[in-house]
Protein backbone atom coordinates (compact mmCIF):
# COMPACT_ATOMS: atom_id res chain seq x y z
CA MET A 1 -86.47 -85.64 136.01
CA LYS A 2 -86.45 -86.11 139.77
CA LYS A 3 -89.59 -87.35 141.48
CA ASN A 4 -90.25 -84.71 144.11
CA TYR A 5 -93.44 -86.08 145.70
CA LEU A 6 -94.61 -89.66 146.14
CA ILE A 7 -98.27 -89.78 147.11
CA TYR A 8 -99.92 -92.96 148.37
CA ILE A 9 -103.66 -93.04 147.67
CA ALA A 10 -105.25 -95.13 150.41
CA PHE A 11 -108.98 -94.91 149.79
CA LEU A 12 -111.43 -96.59 152.15
CA MET A 13 -114.54 -98.31 150.85
CA LEU A 14 -117.05 -96.20 152.78
CA LEU A 15 -115.16 -93.00 153.41
CA SER A 16 -113.07 -90.62 151.34
CA VAL A 17 -109.88 -89.61 153.10
CA THR A 18 -107.00 -87.27 152.48
CA ALA A 19 -104.19 -89.03 150.67
CA CYS A 20 -101.52 -87.67 153.00
CA ASN A 21 -100.46 -84.55 154.83
CA LEU A 22 -97.49 -83.72 152.64
CA ASP A 23 -97.47 -80.15 151.41
CA PRO A 24 -99.25 -79.13 149.18
CA PHE A 25 -101.92 -81.68 150.10
CA SER A 26 -102.55 -80.29 153.58
CA GLU A 27 -106.24 -80.67 154.45
CA GLN A 28 -105.84 -77.56 156.63
CA GLU A 29 -105.76 -75.51 153.46
CA PRO A 30 -109.41 -74.71 152.72
CA SER A 31 -108.77 -74.89 148.98
CA SER A 32 -107.62 -78.53 149.08
CA PHE A 33 -109.76 -81.67 149.17
CA ASP A 34 -109.71 -85.33 148.14
CA LYS A 35 -113.13 -86.97 147.84
CA LEU A 36 -114.80 -90.09 146.48
CA TYR A 37 -118.34 -90.33 145.09
CA ALA A 38 -120.74 -93.16 144.20
CA LEU A 39 -118.83 -95.61 146.39
CA SER A 40 -121.60 -98.21 146.37
CA GLU A 41 -121.82 -98.17 142.58
CA ASN A 42 -119.96 -99.77 139.72
CA VAL A 43 -119.11 -96.46 138.09
CA GLU A 44 -116.83 -94.89 135.54
CA ALA A 45 -115.75 -91.25 135.51
CA VAL A 46 -116.40 -89.42 132.24
CA ASP A 47 -115.75 -85.69 132.67
CA PHE A 48 -116.32 -82.66 134.87
CA ILE A 49 -116.81 -78.92 134.42
CA CYS A 50 -116.02 -76.05 136.76
CA LYS A 51 -119.03 -73.86 137.46
CA PRO A 52 -118.61 -70.35 136.01
CA ASP A 53 -119.18 -68.69 139.40
CA ALA A 54 -116.47 -70.89 141.03
CA SER A 55 -119.09 -72.35 143.39
CA GLY A 56 -118.18 -75.96 142.60
CA TYR A 57 -118.21 -78.64 139.93
CA ILE A 58 -120.51 -80.85 137.92
CA VAL A 59 -119.12 -84.38 137.60
CA VAL A 60 -120.58 -86.78 135.03
CA GLY A 61 -120.14 -90.54 135.00
CA ASN A 62 -121.85 -93.84 134.21
CA SER A 63 -123.27 -96.31 136.72
CA LYS A 64 -123.16 -99.81 135.23
CA SER A 65 -124.39 -103.33 135.77
CA LEU A 66 -124.31 -106.34 133.46
CA ASP A 67 -127.57 -105.39 131.74
CA ASN A 68 -127.96 -101.67 132.42
CA SER A 69 -126.04 -98.40 132.39
CA ASP A 70 -127.34 -95.06 133.69
CA ILE A 71 -125.80 -91.61 133.42
CA ILE A 72 -125.06 -89.99 136.79
CA ILE A 73 -124.64 -86.27 137.43
CA ILE A 74 -122.94 -85.22 140.68
CA ASN A 75 -123.21 -81.67 142.01
CA VAL A 76 -120.08 -80.93 144.05
CA GLY A 77 -119.41 -77.82 146.16
CA SER A 78 -116.18 -75.84 146.03
CA ASP A 79 -115.08 -77.72 149.18
CA GLY A 80 -115.53 -81.09 147.49
CA MET A 81 -118.70 -81.98 149.39
CA GLN A 82 -121.40 -83.73 147.38
CA GLN A 83 -124.56 -81.61 147.14
CA ASN A 84 -126.57 -84.22 145.29
CA LEU A 85 -126.21 -87.19 142.93
CA HIS A 86 -128.79 -87.85 140.23
CA ARG A 87 -129.02 -91.09 138.29
CA ILE A 88 -130.91 -90.70 135.00
CA SER A 89 -132.83 -93.97 135.16
CA THR A 90 -133.98 -95.55 131.88
CA PRO A 91 -134.62 -99.15 130.75
CA PHE A 92 -131.78 -98.74 128.22
CA TYR A 93 -127.99 -98.98 128.32
CA ASP A 94 -127.06 -95.27 128.32
CA GLU A 95 -123.48 -94.02 128.48
CA ALA A 96 -122.25 -90.42 128.72
CA VAL A 97 -119.25 -89.82 126.45
CA SER A 98 -118.65 -86.04 126.36
CA VAL A 99 -119.61 -83.06 128.53
CA LYS A 100 -119.65 -79.33 127.67
CA LEU A 101 -120.55 -76.13 129.49
CA TYR A 102 -123.02 -74.15 127.39
CA GLN A 103 -122.23 -70.58 128.36
CA GLU A 104 -125.27 -68.99 126.71
CA ASP A 105 -127.49 -70.11 129.59
CA ASN A 106 -124.93 -71.66 132.00
CA SER A 107 -126.14 -75.19 131.45
CA VAL A 108 -124.40 -78.54 130.99
CA LEU A 109 -124.77 -80.53 127.76
CA ILE A 110 -124.01 -84.27 127.75
CA LEU A 111 -123.46 -86.36 124.62
CA ALA A 112 -124.63 -89.93 125.21
CA HIS A 113 -124.76 -93.32 123.49
CA ARG A 114 -127.77 -95.61 123.87
CA ARG A 115 -128.01 -99.37 123.37
CA VAL A 116 -131.31 -101.20 123.68
CA ASP A 117 -129.44 -104.49 124.17
CA PRO A 118 -126.10 -104.14 126.02
CA SER A 119 -124.82 -107.32 124.38
CA GLU A 120 -124.99 -105.66 120.97
CA PRO A 121 -121.69 -103.99 119.97
CA GLU A 122 -123.34 -101.21 117.95
CA ILE A 123 -125.18 -98.31 119.56
CA GLU A 124 -128.75 -97.47 118.57
CA ARG A 125 -128.81 -93.72 119.21
CA ASN A 126 -126.61 -90.69 119.76
CA LEU A 127 -128.35 -88.38 122.22
CA ILE A 128 -128.02 -85.03 124.01
CA VAL A 129 -129.25 -84.41 127.55
CA LYS A 130 -129.19 -81.01 129.23
CA SER A 131 -128.73 -80.23 132.93
CA ASN A 132 -128.67 -77.09 135.05
CA LEU A 133 -125.69 -76.23 137.26
CA ASP A 134 -127.37 -77.94 140.22
CA GLY A 135 -127.07 -81.23 138.38
CA VAL A 136 -130.80 -81.54 137.66
CA PRO A 137 -131.52 -82.61 134.05
CA VAL A 138 -134.16 -80.92 131.92
CA GLY A 139 -137.34 -83.00 131.95
CA ALA A 140 -136.74 -84.36 135.44
CA GLU A 141 -139.86 -85.49 137.23
CA GLY A 142 -140.37 -85.87 140.94
CA ASN A 143 -138.24 -84.65 143.80
CA ASP A 144 -134.98 -83.00 142.70
CA SER A 145 -133.32 -84.38 145.84
CA SER A 146 -134.02 -88.00 144.91
CA GLU A 147 -131.22 -90.11 143.46
CA GLU A 148 -133.17 -91.73 140.61
CA ILE A 149 -134.53 -89.15 138.24
CA SER A 150 -135.88 -88.88 134.71
CA ALA A 151 -134.60 -86.71 131.88
CA ASP A 152 -135.64 -85.61 128.41
CA PHE A 153 -133.17 -86.94 125.83
CA LYS A 154 -132.87 -85.20 122.46
CA ILE A 155 -131.94 -87.27 119.41
CA LEU A 156 -128.99 -86.64 117.09
CA THR A 157 -129.01 -89.95 115.21
CA ILE A 158 -131.05 -93.15 115.16
CA ASN A 159 -128.69 -95.78 113.80
CA GLU A 160 -129.72 -98.40 111.31
CA ASN A 161 -126.97 -99.20 108.83
CA PRO A 162 -124.25 -97.95 108.81
CA SER A 163 -123.68 -97.32 112.51
CA ILE A 164 -122.51 -93.87 113.64
CA TYR A 165 -120.60 -93.20 116.86
CA LEU A 166 -120.43 -89.53 117.85
CA ASN A 167 -117.60 -89.02 120.34
CA ASP A 168 -117.35 -85.26 120.92
CA PHE A 169 -119.15 -82.02 120.10
CA LEU A 170 -119.24 -78.26 120.48
CA ILE A 171 -121.67 -75.40 119.94
CA GLU A 172 -120.51 -72.75 117.46
CA ASN A 173 -122.69 -70.03 115.87
CA GLN A 174 -125.83 -71.85 117.08
CA ARG A 175 -124.69 -75.00 115.33
CA LEU A 176 -124.08 -78.24 117.21
CA ILE A 177 -121.03 -79.79 115.53
CA ALA A 178 -120.52 -83.45 116.43
CA ILE A 179 -117.50 -85.54 115.44
CA GLY A 180 -117.18 -89.30 115.44
CA ASN A 181 -116.84 -92.27 113.15
CA ILE A 182 -119.01 -94.34 110.86
CA HIS A 183 -118.72 -98.11 110.39
CA GLN A 184 -119.11 -98.70 106.67
CA ASP A 185 -117.76 -102.12 105.69
CA GLY A 186 -117.17 -105.65 106.92
CA ASN A 187 -113.50 -105.08 107.71
CA ASN A 188 -114.22 -103.12 110.88
CA ASN A 189 -112.77 -99.98 109.30
CA ARG A 190 -114.18 -96.73 110.54
CA ARG A 191 -114.32 -93.42 108.75
CA LYS A 192 -114.37 -90.03 110.40
CA ILE A 193 -117.68 -88.22 110.18
CA THR A 194 -118.78 -84.71 111.13
CA GLN A 195 -122.46 -83.94 111.57
CA ILE A 196 -123.73 -80.38 111.93
CA TYR A 197 -127.14 -79.66 113.50
CA ASP A 198 -129.25 -76.57 114.05
CA PHE A 199 -128.93 -76.22 117.82
CA ASN A 200 -132.11 -74.12 117.96
CA SER A 201 -134.16 -76.76 116.13
CA VAL A 202 -135.23 -78.37 119.42
CA ASP A 203 -136.85 -76.90 122.51
CA PHE A 204 -135.31 -78.60 125.53
CA ASN A 205 -138.37 -77.69 127.59
CA ASN A 206 -140.77 -79.36 125.15
CA ARG A 207 -140.82 -83.14 125.60
CA ASN A 208 -142.50 -83.61 122.19
CA ASP A 209 -139.72 -81.74 120.39
CA SER A 210 -137.11 -84.47 120.38
CA VAL A 211 -135.03 -84.59 117.15
CA PHE A 212 -132.29 -82.17 116.12
CA GLU A 213 -132.39 -80.99 112.50
CA LYS A 214 -129.23 -82.05 110.64
CA VAL A 215 -127.99 -79.40 108.22
CA ARG A 216 -124.68 -80.85 107.05
CA GLU A 217 -122.66 -84.07 107.01
CA LYS A 218 -118.97 -84.40 106.18
CA LEU A 219 -117.08 -87.65 105.65
CA GLY A 220 -113.35 -87.86 106.28
CA SER A 221 -110.60 -90.41 105.78
CA ASN A 222 -110.41 -93.91 107.23
CA PHE A 223 -108.72 -94.25 110.59
CA ASN A 224 -107.76 -97.04 112.95
CA SER A 225 -110.84 -98.63 114.48
CA SER A 226 -109.07 -99.58 117.71
CA ASN A 227 -108.71 -95.96 118.83
CA LEU A 228 -111.83 -93.80 119.02
CA ASN A 229 -110.14 -90.87 120.76
CA ILE A 230 -111.21 -88.07 118.44
CA LYS A 231 -111.90 -84.55 119.71
CA ILE A 232 -113.25 -81.27 118.39
CA SER A 233 -112.44 -77.77 119.62
CA PRO A 234 -113.31 -74.20 118.63
CA GLY A 235 -110.97 -72.58 116.12
CA ASN A 236 -107.72 -71.42 117.68
CA SER A 237 -106.24 -69.58 114.72
CA PRO A 238 -107.69 -66.40 113.16
CA ALA A 239 -109.30 -68.13 110.18
CA SER A 240 -110.30 -71.35 111.94
CA VAL A 241 -113.94 -72.11 112.83
CA TYR A 242 -113.29 -75.50 114.42
CA GLU A 243 -110.52 -78.09 114.65
CA ILE A 244 -110.56 -81.89 114.81
CA ILE A 245 -107.73 -83.95 116.26
CA GLY A 246 -107.49 -87.71 116.64
CA GLN A 247 -105.94 -90.75 114.95
CA ASN A 248 -105.32 -91.68 111.35
CA MET A 249 -103.80 -94.85 109.90
CA SER A 250 -101.90 -93.53 106.91
CA GLU A 251 -98.53 -92.63 105.46
CA ASN A 252 -96.90 -89.38 106.46
CA PRO A 253 -96.02 -87.54 103.23
CA ASN A 254 -93.00 -85.98 104.90
CA THR A 255 -91.23 -89.35 105.14
CA GLU A 256 -89.70 -91.55 102.46
CA THR A 257 -90.85 -94.84 103.99
CA ASP A 258 -93.64 -96.90 102.43
CA ASN A 259 -94.74 -98.26 105.80
CA THR A 260 -97.99 -97.09 107.32
CA SER A 261 -98.36 -96.24 110.98
CA LEU A 262 -100.86 -94.83 113.43
CA ASN A 263 -100.45 -91.07 113.20
CA ILE A 264 -101.96 -88.08 114.94
CA SER A 265 -104.51 -86.48 112.62
CA TRP A 266 -105.16 -82.74 112.98
CA GLU A 267 -107.45 -80.78 110.69
CA ILE A 268 -108.46 -77.13 110.65
CA PHE A 269 -111.79 -76.08 109.13
CA THR A 270 -112.36 -72.47 108.09
CA ASP A 271 -115.99 -72.86 107.00
CA LEU A 272 -118.94 -74.65 108.57
CA GLU A 273 -120.34 -75.62 105.19
CA SER A 274 -117.25 -76.63 103.25
CA ASN A 275 -115.66 -80.09 103.35
CA ALA A 276 -112.25 -78.57 102.70
CA SER A 277 -109.78 -78.59 105.57
CA GLU A 278 -106.12 -77.95 106.17
CA ARG A 279 -104.22 -80.85 107.65
CA ILE A 280 -101.48 -79.98 110.12
CA TYR A 281 -98.72 -82.55 110.27
CA VAL A 282 -97.63 -83.17 113.82
CA GLY A 283 -95.45 -85.87 115.37
CA SER A 284 -92.83 -88.17 113.92
CA ASP A 285 -94.78 -90.98 112.18
CA GLN A 286 -93.73 -93.57 114.77
CA ASP A 287 -97.02 -95.16 115.84
CA GLU A 288 -98.06 -92.33 118.11
CA GLU A 289 -101.26 -92.55 120.11
CA TYR A 290 -102.97 -89.22 120.75
CA GLY A 291 -103.75 -88.30 124.36
CA ASP A 292 -104.74 -84.62 124.60
CA ILE A 293 -104.06 -81.19 123.10
CA LEU A 294 -103.53 -77.85 124.85
CA TYR A 295 -104.01 -74.51 123.12
CA HIS A 296 -101.63 -72.35 125.14
CA SER A 297 -101.96 -68.64 125.87
CA ASN A 298 -98.54 -68.14 124.23
CA GLY A 299 -99.99 -69.13 120.86
CA LYS A 300 -98.32 -72.55 120.72
CA TYR A 301 -100.03 -75.94 120.57
CA TYR A 302 -98.95 -78.77 122.89
CA VAL A 303 -99.88 -82.35 122.05
CA GLY A 304 -99.39 -85.22 124.51
CA GLY A 305 -99.47 -88.92 123.77
CA ASN A 306 -97.58 -92.19 123.87
CA TYR A 307 -95.65 -94.45 121.51
CA LEU A 308 -97.44 -97.75 120.93
CA GLN A 309 -94.21 -99.75 120.57
CA THR A 310 -92.67 -98.59 123.84
CA ASP A 311 -93.69 -97.57 127.36
CA SER A 312 -92.76 -93.94 126.71
CA ILE A 313 -94.82 -90.76 126.54
CA PHE A 314 -94.20 -87.55 124.64
CA LEU A 315 -95.03 -83.86 124.61
CA ILE A 316 -94.94 -82.02 121.29
CA ALA A 317 -94.57 -78.24 121.27
CA LYS A 318 -95.95 -77.10 117.90
CA GLU A 319 -95.84 -73.68 116.29
CA TYR A 320 -98.46 -73.44 113.56
CA ASN A 321 -97.78 -70.60 111.15
CA GLY A 322 -100.32 -71.48 108.50
CA SER A 323 -98.00 -73.64 106.40
CA ASN A 324 -98.70 -77.33 105.91
CA ASN A 325 -95.46 -78.87 107.15
CA ASN A 326 -93.73 -80.42 110.13
CA SER A 327 -91.45 -77.47 110.84
CA GLY A 328 -91.74 -75.53 114.05
CA GLN A 329 -92.20 -78.51 116.36
CA SER A 330 -90.11 -80.07 119.09
CA ILE A 331 -90.74 -83.45 120.73
CA PHE A 332 -89.69 -84.41 124.25
CA THR A 333 -89.93 -88.09 125.23
CA LEU A 334 -90.12 -89.47 128.78
CA VAL A 335 -89.89 -93.01 130.17
CA ASP A 336 -90.90 -94.30 133.63
CA TYR A 337 -93.72 -91.77 133.94
CA GLY A 338 -96.64 -93.86 132.75
CA ASN A 339 -97.55 -95.22 129.33
CA ARG A 340 -100.62 -93.13 128.42
CA VAL A 341 -101.27 -89.37 128.50
CA THR A 342 -104.79 -88.52 129.63
CA SER A 343 -104.98 -84.73 130.02
CA LEU A 344 -103.13 -81.42 129.59
CA THR A 345 -103.76 -78.00 131.12
CA GLU A 346 -101.99 -74.65 131.61
CA ASP A 347 -101.31 -73.20 135.06
CA GLU A 348 -101.22 -69.59 136.22
CA ASN A 349 -97.47 -69.38 135.51
CA GLU A 350 -98.05 -70.56 131.92
CA HIS A 351 -96.48 -73.95 132.59
CA ILE A 352 -97.88 -77.06 130.89
CA ILE A 353 -99.30 -79.66 133.29
CA MET A 354 -99.64 -83.25 132.08
CA ALA A 355 -101.51 -86.19 133.63
CA THR A 356 -100.44 -89.75 132.77
CA VAL A 357 -101.34 -93.27 133.86
CA ASP A 358 -99.32 -96.47 133.96
CA GLU A 359 -101.67 -99.14 132.65
CA GLY A 360 -101.22 -102.89 132.62
CA THR A 361 -100.98 -103.86 136.30
CA LEU A 362 -103.52 -103.94 139.12
CA ASN A 363 -101.39 -101.86 141.48
CA SER A 364 -100.57 -99.06 139.08
CA SER A 365 -99.46 -95.46 139.27
CA SER A 366 -100.55 -92.12 137.86
CA TYR A 367 -98.40 -89.03 137.47
CA ILE A 368 -98.73 -85.26 137.32
CA LEU A 369 -95.84 -83.62 135.45
CA LYS A 370 -94.93 -79.98 134.85
CA PHE A 371 -93.24 -78.66 131.68
CA SER A 372 -91.82 -75.33 130.58
CA GLN A 373 -93.16 -73.57 127.50
CA SER A 374 -90.28 -75.03 125.49
CA GLY A 375 -91.76 -78.48 126.19
CA THR A 376 -89.05 -79.70 128.58
CA PRO A 377 -89.90 -81.11 132.05
CA ILE A 378 -89.27 -78.94 135.09
CA GLU A 379 -87.06 -80.52 137.75
CA ASP A 380 -88.60 -81.37 141.14
CA GLU A 381 -92.12 -80.58 139.91
CA ASP A 382 -93.98 -83.86 139.62
CA PHE A 383 -96.21 -86.17 141.65
CA GLU A 384 -96.54 -89.93 141.58
CA PHE A 385 -99.81 -91.38 142.85
CA ILE A 386 -99.47 -94.96 144.08
CA SER A 387 -102.60 -96.88 144.97
CA THR A 388 -103.78 -100.34 145.95
CA GLY A 389 -105.86 -100.99 142.87
CA PHE A 390 -105.99 -98.74 139.84
CA TYR A 391 -105.95 -94.95 140.23
CA ASN A 392 -106.83 -93.64 136.77
CA ILE A 393 -106.60 -89.88 136.22
CA GLN A 394 -109.20 -88.91 133.63
CA LYS A 395 -108.86 -85.13 133.44
CA ILE A 396 -107.05 -82.20 135.04
CA GLN A 397 -108.04 -78.54 135.01
CA SER A 398 -106.29 -75.47 136.37
CA GLU A 399 -107.80 -72.79 138.57
CA PRO A 400 -106.38 -69.40 139.68
CA GLY A 401 -103.64 -69.58 142.28
CA ASN A 402 -102.00 -72.62 140.66
CA ILE A 403 -104.79 -74.85 141.93
CA LEU A 404 -105.20 -78.15 140.09
CA VAL A 405 -108.47 -80.11 140.03
CA ILE A 406 -108.08 -83.83 139.24
CA LEU A 407 -110.87 -86.16 138.13
CA SER A 408 -110.07 -89.84 138.55
CA GLN A 409 -111.59 -93.27 138.59
CA LYS A 410 -110.56 -95.57 141.39
CA THR A 411 -110.71 -99.36 141.00
CA PHE A 412 -110.34 -101.22 144.29
CA GLU A 413 -108.73 -104.62 144.80
CA ASN A 414 -112.19 -106.28 144.77
CA ASN A 415 -112.87 -104.61 141.37
CA SER A 416 -115.44 -102.18 142.77
CA THR A 417 -115.07 -98.59 141.61
CA ALA A 418 -115.61 -94.99 142.66
CA ILE A 419 -115.27 -91.54 141.13
CA GLY A 420 -112.62 -89.30 142.69
CA LEU A 421 -112.18 -85.53 142.66
CA MET A 422 -109.11 -83.94 144.20
CA LYS A 423 -108.05 -80.30 144.45
CA ILE A 424 -104.43 -79.43 145.23
CA LYS A 425 -102.00 -76.55 144.93
CA PHE A 426 -99.35 -77.47 142.38
């Protein structure tokens, strides 16, 4: 696979600049931009959503110090210009972990973890905070243009023992379905857990109405505690209500070996109430670390990840026909294009776009790769981002006209950080 574009990211500390003038990064194109936000902060990028009216983006991150972490919400225009930045200031160590657009009222929902003492490894609460599409959280007091702002947090769990980490969520049939893991024993093993709440059981505009009503809890199998990348999505097959994909340390029943390995775990649930699920076997049982999944318009599933024993990445094209087996999948492996897959999306031409990062060195690279629907890479259709410091692509999302929006976290040589958002034609 030939590297067609080599892009040097040369960010300045006090100014966001265009990476270069190579087509298709021309700043003369009104649809393209390359911006940095929260430059004076120690920040991490979490996620972003595109506004439904295409007027811009809501970017969510965390602003951290040694003894405090605040959630930040950045309202960005369609030209990449920052409209406002709000820091939800609390005396606690709050971290945003997942962000969803709630289409019923065009709001943004943020799943957050809270620690009272940042030195404690376990979180105290799993919380939800809601924001409008101007980046102003519900319950904010004072001037909406001010940077520090309050918010009304709603409670999912108050942890005692065992400790529950909720990592992702969705809203389906007025139920908030949250997926995560529960720490149950002294061996640091974690077990998958699904908690289902009545989404209408709290009034976001009533500060005294603060706790979601839990209606169901489901416990799953043990999985490797070192990888908490577990995601939930709406059902993508006719009978599916929701799907959970992540990691599982177990044997693959389709192999004859007795050795265990880190596998990709994929379960389909056809009923909100039932614990029963159908497991879809995907991958090759070779210590595969899950990166992201794409539900393609062609009906196929594409799973990206990396092999733990090598510096190679993979893309799996999976055809799910309702049978519980490994048939109908193809795996393409790549080397020299990073060692971790972070995000997948589909472009206007139905190609698969993959973002990867090359971790392990200070001056590291990130890549954008393009694949055909068969799962094979397309020649001369890839970018390499080279930066002084660490340029970490967190998420990519496609827009009409083969426009690609890229959320990243930039770590400079002095270890300071910034959140980056770039829009290019690809």
